[in-house]
Amino acid sequence: SMVGTAVPQADTRDPLPPFALAGVGAIAVVAAVALL
C-alpha cells in the first residue's frame, strides 16, 4: 500500500516480450504513416 511510506521496488520484471514490442511498434508505425 502506498498510503504511507512504502519500500522502494526494484525493476525486476522481465524484458518486454518481442511480440509486445512488435505489436506496439506496429501500432506506432501505422499512426506515423497516417500522420505523415
All heavy atoms as atom14 arrays in JSON, in Angstrom:
{
  "sequence": "SMVGTAVPQADTRDPLPPFALAGVGAIAVVAAVALL",
  "atom14_mask": [
    [1, 1, 1, 1, 1, 1, 0, 0, 0, 0, 0, 0, 0, 0],
    [1, 1, 1, 1, 1, 1, 1, 1, 0, 0, 0, 0, 0, 0],
    [1, 1, 1, 1, 1, 1, 1, 0, 0, 0, 0, 0, 0, 0],
    [1, 1, 1, 1, 0, 0, 0, 0, 0, 0, 0, 0, 0, 0],
    [1, 1, 1, 1, 1, 1, 1, 0, 0, 0, 0, 0, 0, 0],
    [1, 1, 1, 1, 1, 0, 0, 0, 0, 0, 0, 0, 0, 0],
    [1, 1, 1, 1, 1, 1, 1, 0, 0, 0, 0, 0, 0, 0],
    [1, 1, 1, 1, 1, 1, 1, 0, 0, 0, 0, 0, 0, 0],
    [1, 1, 1, 1, 1, 1, 1, 1, 1, 0, 0, 0, 0, 0],
    [1, 1, 1, 1, 1, 0, 0, 0, 0, 0, 0, 0, 0, 0],
    [1, 1, 1, 1, 1, 1, 1, 1, 0, 0, 0, 0, 0, 0],
    [1, 1, 1, 1, 1, 1, 1, 0, 0, 0, 0, 0, 0, 0],
    [1, 1, 1, 1, 1, 1, 1, 1, 1, 1, 1, 0, 0, 0],
    [1, 1, 1, 1, 1, 1, 1, 1, 0, 0, 0, 0, 0, 0],
    [1, 1, 1, 1, 1, 1, 1, 0, 0, 0, 0, 0, 0, 0],
    [1, 1, 1, 1, 1, 1, 1, 1, 0, 0, 0, 0, 0, 0],
    [1, 1, 1, 1, 1, 1, 1, 0, 0, 0, 0, 0, 0, 0],
    [1, 1, 1, 1, 1, 1, 1, 0, 0, 0, 0, 0, 0, 0],
    [1, 1, 1, 1, 1, 1, 1, 1, 1, 1, 1, 0, 0, 0],
    [1, 1, 1, 1, 1, 0, 0, 0, 0, 0, 0, 0, 0, 0],
    [1, 1, 1, 1, 1, 1, 1, 1, 0, 0, 0, 0, 0, 0],
    [1, 1, 1, 1, 1, 0, 0, 0, 0, 0, 0, 0, 0, 0],
    [1, 1, 1, 1, 0, 0, 0, 0, 0, 0, 0, 0, 0, 0],
    [1, 1, 1, 1, 1, 1, 1, 0, 0, 0, 0, 0, 0, 0],
    [1, 1, 1, 1, 0, 0, 0, 0, 0, 0, 0, 0, 0, 0],
    [1, 1, 1, 1, 1, 0, 0, 0, 0, 0, 0, 0, 0, 0],
    [1, 1, 1, 1, 1, 1, 1, 1, 0, 0, 0, 0, 0, 0],
    [1, 1, 1, 1, 1, 0, 0, 0, 0, 0, 0, 0, 0, 0],
    [1, 1, 1, 1, 1, 1, 1, 0, 0, 0, 0, 0, 0, 0],
    [1, 1, 1, 1, 1, 1, 1, 0, 0, 0, 0, 0, 0, 0],
    [1, 1, 1, 1, 1, 0, 0, 0, 0, 0, 0, 0, 0, 0],
    [1, 1, 1, 1, 1, 0, 0, 0, 0, 0, 0, 0, 0, 0],
    [1, 1, 1, 1, 1, 1, 1, 0, 0, 0, 0, 0, 0, 0],
    [1, 1, 1, 1, 1, 0, 0, 0, 0, 0, 0, 0, 0, 0],
    [1, 1, 1, 1, 1, 1, 1, 1, 0, 0, 0, 0, 0, 0],
    [1, 1, 1, 1, 1, 1, 1, 1, 0, 0, 0, 0, 0, 0]
  ],
  "atom14_positions": [
    [[0.85, -1.2, 0.0], [0.0, 0.0, 0.0], [0.87, 1.24, 0.0], [1.9, 1.31, 0.65], [-0.9, 0.01, 1.24], [-1.54, 1.23, 1.35], [0.0, 0.0, 0.0], [0.0, 0.0, 0.0], [0.0, 0.0, 0.0], [0.0, 0.0, 0.0], [0.0, 0.0, 0.0], [0.0, 0.0, 0.0], [0.0, 0.0, 0.0], [0.0, 0.0, 0.0]],
    [[0.42, 2.25, -0.74], [1.2, 3.46, -0.86], [0.62, 4.6, -0.04], [1.0, 5.73, -0.22], [1.29, 3.88, -2.33], [1.96, 2.85, -3.22], [3.68, 2.67, -2.77], [4.16, 1.34, -3.9], [0.0, 0.0, 0.0], [0.0, 0.0, 0.0], [0.0, 0.0, 0.0], [0.0, 0.0, 0.0], [0.0, 0.0, 0.0], [0.0, 0.0, 0.0]],
    [[-0.32, 4.3, 0.87], [-0.9, 5.37, 1.66], [0.14, 5.97, 2.58], [0.25, 7.16, 2.77], [-2.11, 4.85, 2.47], [-2.63, 5.93, 3.39], [-3.19, 4.37, 1.53], [0.0, 0.0, 0.0], [0.0, 0.0, 0.0], [0.0, 0.0, 0.0], [0.0, 0.0, 0.0], [0.0, 0.0, 0.0], [0.0, 0.0, 0.0], [0.0, 0.0, 0.0]],
    [[0.99, 5.12, 3.12], [2.1, 5.59, 3.92], [3.38, 5.51, 3.13], [3.39, 5.52, 1.92], [0.0, 0.0, 0.0], [0.0, 0.0, 0.0], [0.0, 0.0, 0.0], [0.0, 0.0, 0.0], [0.0, 0.0, 0.0], [0.0, 0.0, 0.0], [0.0, 0.0, 0.0], [0.0, 0.0, 0.0], [0.0, 0.0, 0.0], [0.0, 0.0, 0.0]],
    [[4.51, 5.37, 3.83], [5.79, 5.25, 3.17], [6.0, 3.81, 2.77], [5.88, 2.89, 3.58], [6.92, 5.7, 4.1], [6.69, 7.04, 4.48], [8.27, 5.57, 3.41], [0.0, 0.0, 0.0], [0.0, 0.0, 0.0], [0.0, 0.0, 0.0], [0.0, 0.0, 0.0], [0.0, 0.0, 0.0], [0.0, 0.0, 0.0], [0.0, 0.0, 0.0]],
    [[6.3, 3.58, 1.51], [6.46, 2.23, 1.0], [7.92, 1.92, 0.74], [8.76, 2.81, 0.58], [5.67, 2.05, -0.28], [0.0, 0.0, 0.0], [0.0, 0.0, 0.0], [0.0, 0.0, 0.0], [0.0, 0.0, 0.0], [0.0, 0.0, 0.0], [0.0, 0.0, 0.0], [0.0, 0.0, 0.0], [0.0, 0.0, 0.0], [0.0, 0.0, 0.0]],
    [[8.24, 0.64, 0.71], [9.6, 0.21, 0.41], [9.8, 0.3, -1.09], [8.97, -0.17, -1.87], [9.8, -1.25, 0.87], [11.21, -1.72, 0.5], [9.58, -1.36, 2.37], [0.0, 0.0, 0.0], [0.0, 0.0, 0.0], [0.0, 0.0, 0.0], [0.0, 0.0, 0.0], [0.0, 0.0, 0.0], [0.0, 0.0, 0.0], [0.0, 0.0, 0.0]],
    [[10.88, 0.91, -1.56], [11.11, 1.0, -3.0], [11.16, -0.36, -3.64], [11.69, -1.32, -3.08], [12.47, 1.71, -3.08], [12.63, 2.42, -1.78], [11.93, 1.58, -0.77], [0.0, 0.0, 0.0], [0.0, 0.0, 0.0], [0.0, 0.0, 0.0], [0.0, 0.0, 0.0], [0.0, 0.0, 0.0], [0.0, 0.0, 0.0], [0.0, 0.0, 0.0]],
    [[10.61, -0.45, -4.84], [10.57, -1.7, -5.57], [11.53, -1.64, -6.74], [11.48, -0.73, -7.55], [9.16, -1.98, -6.1], [8.11, -2.03, -4.99], [6.74, -2.24, -5.58], [6.57, -3.04, -6.49], [5.77, -1.53, -5.05], [0.0, 0.0, 0.0], [0.0, 0.0, 0.0], [0.0, 0.0, 0.0], [0.0, 0.0, 0.0], [0.0, 0.0, 0.0]],
    [[12.42, -2.6, -6.81], [13.36, -2.66, -7.92], [12.63, -3.08, -9.19], [11.62, -3.79, -9.14], [14.47, -3.66, -7.62], [0.0, 0.0, 0.0], [0.0, 0.0, 0.0], [0.0, 0.0, 0.0], [0.0, 0.0, 0.0], [0.0, 0.0, 0.0], [0.0, 0.0, 0.0], [0.0, 0.0, 0.0], [0.0, 0.0, 0.0], [0.0, 0.0, 0.0]],
    [[13.17, -2.67, -10.31], [12.57, -3.02, -11.6], [13.07, -4.39, -12.01], [14.02, -4.54, -12.78], [12.94, -1.98, -12.65], [12.12, -2.14, -13.92], [11.32, -3.09, -13.98], [12.3, -1.34, -14.84], [0.0, 0.0, 0.0], [0.0, 0.0, 0.0], [0.0, 0.0, 0.0], [0.0, 0.0, 0.0], [0.0, 0.0, 0.0], [0.0, 0.0, 0.0]],
    [[12.42, -5.44, -11.48], [12.87, -6.81, -11.72], [12.03, -7.52, -12.76], [12.25, -8.7, -13.02], [12.8, -7.61, -10.4], [11.44, -7.58, -9.91], [13.72, -7.01, -9.35], [0.0, 0.0, 0.0], [0.0, 0.0, 0.0], [0.0, 0.0, 0.0], [0.0, 0.0, 0.0], [0.0, 0.0, 0.0], [0.0, 0.0, 0.0], [0.0, 0.0, 0.0]],
    [[11.07, -6.86, -13.35], [10.21, -7.53, -14.31], [10.98, -7.92, -15.56], [12.01, -7.34, -15.88], [9.02, -6.65, -14.68], [9.38, -5.37, -15.38], [8.15, -4.52, -15.63], [7.58, -4.14, -14.34], [6.39, -3.6, -14.21], [5.64, -3.36, -15.27], [5.93, -3.28, -13.02], [0.0, 0.0, 0.0], [0.0, 0.0, 0.0], [0.0, 0.0, 0.0]],
    [[10.5, -8.94, -16.23], [11.16, -9.42, -17.44], [11.11, -8.37, -18.53], [10.23, -7.51, -18.54], [10.47, -10.7, -17.94], [10.64, -11.85, -16.95], [11.66, -11.85, -16.23], [9.75, -12.72, -16.9], [0.0, 0.0, 0.0], [0.0, 0.0, 0.0], [0.0, 0.0, 0.0], [0.0, 0.0, 0.0], [0.0, 0.0, 0.0], [0.0, 0.0, 0.0]],
    [[12.09, -8.43, -19.46], [12.02, -7.51, -20.6], [10.71, -7.7, -21.35], [10.12, -8.77, -21.32], [13.23, -7.92, -21.45], [14.15, -8.63, -20.5], [13.26, -9.32, -19.5], [0.0, 0.0, 0.0], [0.0, 0.0, 0.0], [0.0, 0.0, 0.0], [0.0, 0.0, 0.0], [0.0, 0.0, 0.0], [0.0, 0.0, 0.0], [0.0, 0.0, 0.0]],
    [[10.3, -6.64, -22.02], [9.06, -6.7, -22.78], [9.15, -7.79, -23.84], [10.13, -7.83, -24.59], [8.81, -5.35, -23.44], [7.37, -5.04, -23.86], [6.46, -5.02, -22.67], [7.33, -3.7, -24.59], [0.0, 0.0, 0.0], [0.0, 0.0, 0.0], [0.0, 0.0, 0.0], [0.0, 0.0, 0.0], [0.0, 0.0, 0.0], [0.0, 0.0, 0.0]],
    [[8.19, -8.69, -23.93], [8.23, -9.76, -24.92], [8.32, -9.2, -26.34], [7.75, -8.15, -26.64], [6.89, -10.49, -24.71], [6.47, -10.14, -23.34], [6.98, -8.76, -23.09], [0.0, 0.0, 0.0], [0.0, 0.0, 0.0], [0.0, 0.0, 0.0], [0.0, 0.0, 0.0], [0.0, 0.0, 0.0], [0.0, 0.0, 0.0], [0.0, 0.0, 0.0]],
    [[9.06, -9.89, -27.22], [9.2, -9.4, -28.6], [7.86, -9.15, -29.27], [7.71, -8.2, -30.03], [9.98, -10.53, -29.28], [10.74, -11.18, -28.17], [9.85, -11.1, -26.98], [0.0, 0.0, 0.0], [0.0, 0.0, 0.0], [0.0, 0.0, 0.0], [0.0, 0.0, 0.0], [0.0, 0.0, 0.0], [0.0, 0.0, 0.0], [0.0, 0.0, 0.0]],
    [[6.86, -10.02, -29.0], [5.56, -9.84, -29.63], [4.93, -8.52, -29.22], [4.34, -7.81, -30.03], [4.64, -11.01, -29.28], [3.25, -10.85, -29.84], [2.99, -11.15, -31.18], [2.2, -10.39, -29.06], [1.73, -11.0, -31.71], [0.94, -10.23, -29.58], [0.69, -10.54, -30.9], [0.0, 0.0, 0.0], [0.0, 0.0, 0.0], [0.0, 0.0, 0.0]],
    [[5.08, -8.21, -27.91], [4.51, -6.94, -27.44], [5.23, -5.75, -28.06], [4.62, -4.77, -28.47], [4.59, -6.87, -25.91], [0.0, 0.0, 0.0], [0.0, 0.0, 0.0], [0.0, 0.0, 0.0], [0.0, 0.0, 0.0], [0.0, 0.0, 0.0], [0.0, 0.0, 0.0], [0.0, 0.0, 0.0], [0.0, 0.0, 0.0], [0.0, 0.0, 0.0]],
    [[6.58, -5.86, -28.13], [7.33, -4.79, -28.77], [6.9, -4.6, -30.21], [6.68, -3.5, -30.68], [8.83, -5.1, -28.7], [9.55, -4.79, -27.39], [10.96, -5.36, -27.42], [9.59, -3.3, -27.14], [0.0, 0.0, 0.0], [0.0, 0.0, 0.0], [0.0, 0.0, 0.0], [0.0, 0.0, 0.0], [0.0, 0.0, 0.0], [0.0, 0.0, 0.0]],
    [[6.77, -5.73, -30.9], [6.37, -5.68, -32.31], [4.96, -5.14, -32.45], [4.67, -4.35, -33.35], [6.49, -7.07, -32.93], [0.0, 0.0, 0.0], [0.0, 0.0, 0.0], [0.0, 0.0, 0.0], [0.0, 0.0, 0.0], [0.0, 0.0, 0.0], [0.0, 0.0, 0.0], [0.0, 0.0, 0.0], [0.0, 0.0, 0.0], [0.0, 0.0, 0.0]],
    [[4.07, -5.57, -31.55], [2.67, -5.14, -31.63], [2.52, -3.65, -31.4], [1.89, -2.94, -32.19], [0.0, 0.0, 0.0], [0.0, 0.0, 0.0], [0.0, 0.0, 0.0], [0.0, 0.0, 0.0], [0.0, 0.0, 0.0], [0.0, 0.0, 0.0], [0.0, 0.0, 0.0], [0.0, 0.0, 0.0], [0.0, 0.0, 0.0], [0.0, 0.0, 0.0]],
    [[3.11, -3.15, -30.3], [3.03, -1.72, -30.01], [3.77, -0.92, -31.08], [3.3, 0.13, -31.53], [3.62, -1.42, -28.62], [3.73, 0.08, -28.39], [2.76, -2.06, -27.53], [0.0, 0.0, 0.0], [0.0, 0.0, 0.0], [0.0, 0.0, 0.0], [0.0, 0.0, 0.0], [0.0, 0.0, 0.0], [0.0, 0.0, 0.0], [0.0, 0.0, 0.0]],
    [[4.92, -1.45, -31.52], [5.66, -0.77, -32.57], [4.88, -0.67, -33.87], [4.93, 0.35, -34.55], [0.0, 0.0, 0.0], [0.0, 0.0, 0.0], [0.0, 0.0, 0.0], [0.0, 0.0, 0.0], [0.0, 0.0, 0.0], [0.0, 0.0, 0.0], [0.0, 0.0, 0.0], [0.0, 0.0, 0.0], [0.0, 0.0, 0.0], [0.0, 0.0, 0.0]],
    [[4.16, -1.74, -34.19], [3.35, -1.73, -35.41], [2.26, -0.68, -35.34], [1.98, 0.02, -36.33], [2.75, -3.11, -35.65], [0.0, 0.0, 0.0], [0.0, 0.0, 0.0], [0.0, 0.0, 0.0], [0.0, 0.0, 0.0], [0.0, 0.0, 0.0], [0.0, 0.0, 0.0], [0.0, 0.0, 0.0], [0.0, 0.0, 0.0], [0.0, 0.0, 0.0]],
    [[1.64, -0.55, -34.17], [0.6, 0.47, -33.99], [1.2, 1.86, -34.16], [0.62, 2.73, -34.82], [-0.06, 0.32, -32.6], [-0.83, -1.0, -32.51], [-0.99, 1.5, -32.32], [-1.26, -1.36, -31.11], [0.0, 0.0, 0.0], [0.0, 0.0, 0.0], [0.0, 0.0, 0.0], [0.0, 0.0, 0.0], [0.0, 0.0, 0.0], [0.0, 0.0, 0.0]],
    [[2.39, 2.06, -33.58], [3.06, 3.36, -33.71], [3.43, 3.64, -35.17], [3.31, 4.78, -35.64], [4.31, 3.4, -32.83], [0.0, 0.0, 0.0], [0.0, 0.0, 0.0], [0.0, 0.0, 0.0], [0.0, 0.0, 0.0], [0.0, 0.0, 0.0], [0.0, 0.0, 0.0], [0.0, 0.0, 0.0], [0.0, 0.0, 0.0], [0.0, 0.0, 0.0]],
    [[3.87, 2.62, -35.89], [4.23, 2.8, -37.3], [3.0, 3.18, -38.11], [3.05, 4.08, -38.96], [4.88, 1.52, -37.86], [4.98, 1.59, -39.38], [6.26, 1.33, -37.26], [0.0, 0.0, 0.0], [0.0, 0.0, 0.0], [0.0, 0.0, 0.0], [0.0, 0.0, 0.0], [0.0, 0.0, 0.0], [0.0, 0.0, 0.0], [0.0, 0.0, 0.0]],
    [[1.89, 2.5, -37.88], [0.65, 2.82, -38.6], [0.23, 4.26, -38.29], [-0.17, 5.01, -39.2], [-0.47, 1.83, -38.22], [-1.81, 2.3, -38.8], [-0.14, 0.43, -38.73], [0.0, 0.0, 0.0], [0.0, 0.0, 0.0], [0.0, 0.0, 0.0], [0.0, 0.0, 0.0], [0.0, 0.0, 0.0], [0.0, 0.0, 0.0], [0.0, 0.0, 0.0]],
    [[0.34, 4.64, -37.02], [0.0, 6.02, -36.65], [0.92, 7.02, -37.35], [0.47, 8.05, -37.85], [0.1, 6.19, -35.13], [0.0, 0.0, 0.0], [0.0, 0.0, 0.0], [0.0, 0.0, 0.0], [0.0, 0.0, 0.0], [0.0, 0.0, 0.0], [0.0, 0.0, 0.0], [0.0, 0.0, 0.0], [0.0, 0.0, 0.0], [0.0, 0.0, 0.0]],
    [[2.21, 6.68, -37.41], [3.17, 7.57, -38.06], [2.88, 7.7, -39.55], [2.93, 8.81, -40.11], [4.6, 7.04, -37.86], [0.0, 0.0, 0.0], [0.0, 0.0, 0.0], [0.0, 0.0, 0.0], [0.0, 0.0, 0.0], [0.0, 0.0, 0.0], [0.0, 0.0, 0.0], [0.0, 0.0, 0.0], [0.0, 0.0, 0.0], [0.0, 0.0, 0.0]],
    [[2.55, 6.59, -40.2], [2.23, 6.62, -41.62], [0.99, 7.48, -41.87], [0.93, 8.29, -42.8], [2.03, 5.2, -42.17], [1.45, 5.23, -43.58], [3.35, 4.44, -42.16], [0.0, 0.0, 0.0], [0.0, 0.0, 0.0], [0.0, 0.0, 0.0], [0.0, 0.0, 0.0], [0.0, 0.0, 0.0], [0.0, 0.0, 0.0], [0.0, 0.0, 0.0]],
    [[-0.04, 7.3, -41.0], [-1.26, 8.08, -41.14], [-0.99, 9.58, -41.0], [-1.52, 10.41, -41.74], [-2.3, 7.63, -40.12], [0.0, 0.0, 0.0], [0.0, 0.0, 0.0], [0.0, 0.0, 0.0], [0.0, 0.0, 0.0], [0.0, 0.0, 0.0], [0.0, 0.0, 0.0], [0.0, 0.0, 0.0], [0.0, 0.0, 0.0], [0.0, 0.0, 0.0]],
    [[-0.12, 9.92, -40.04], [0.21, 11.33, -39.84], [1.02, 11.88, -41.01], [0.72, 12.96, -41.54], [0.99, 11.5, -38.53], [0.19, 11.28, -37.23], [1.12, 11.32, -36.04], [-0.91, 12.31, -37.07], [0.0, 0.0, 0.0], [0.0, 0.0, 0.0], [0.0, 0.0, 0.0], [0.0, 0.0, 0.0], [0.0, 0.0, 0.0], [0.0, 0.0, 0.0]],
    [[2.06, 11.15, -41.4], [2.92, 11.64, -42.47], [2.16, 11.79, -43.79], [2.44, 12.7, -44.57], [4.11, 10.68, -42.65], [5.13, 10.68, -41.5], [6.17, 9.59, -41.72], [5.8, 12.04, -41.37], [0.0, 0.0, 0.0], [0.0, 0.0, 0.0], [0.0, 0.0, 0.0], [0.0, 0.0, 0.0], [0.0, 0.0, 0.0], [0.0, 0.0, 0.0]]
  ]
}
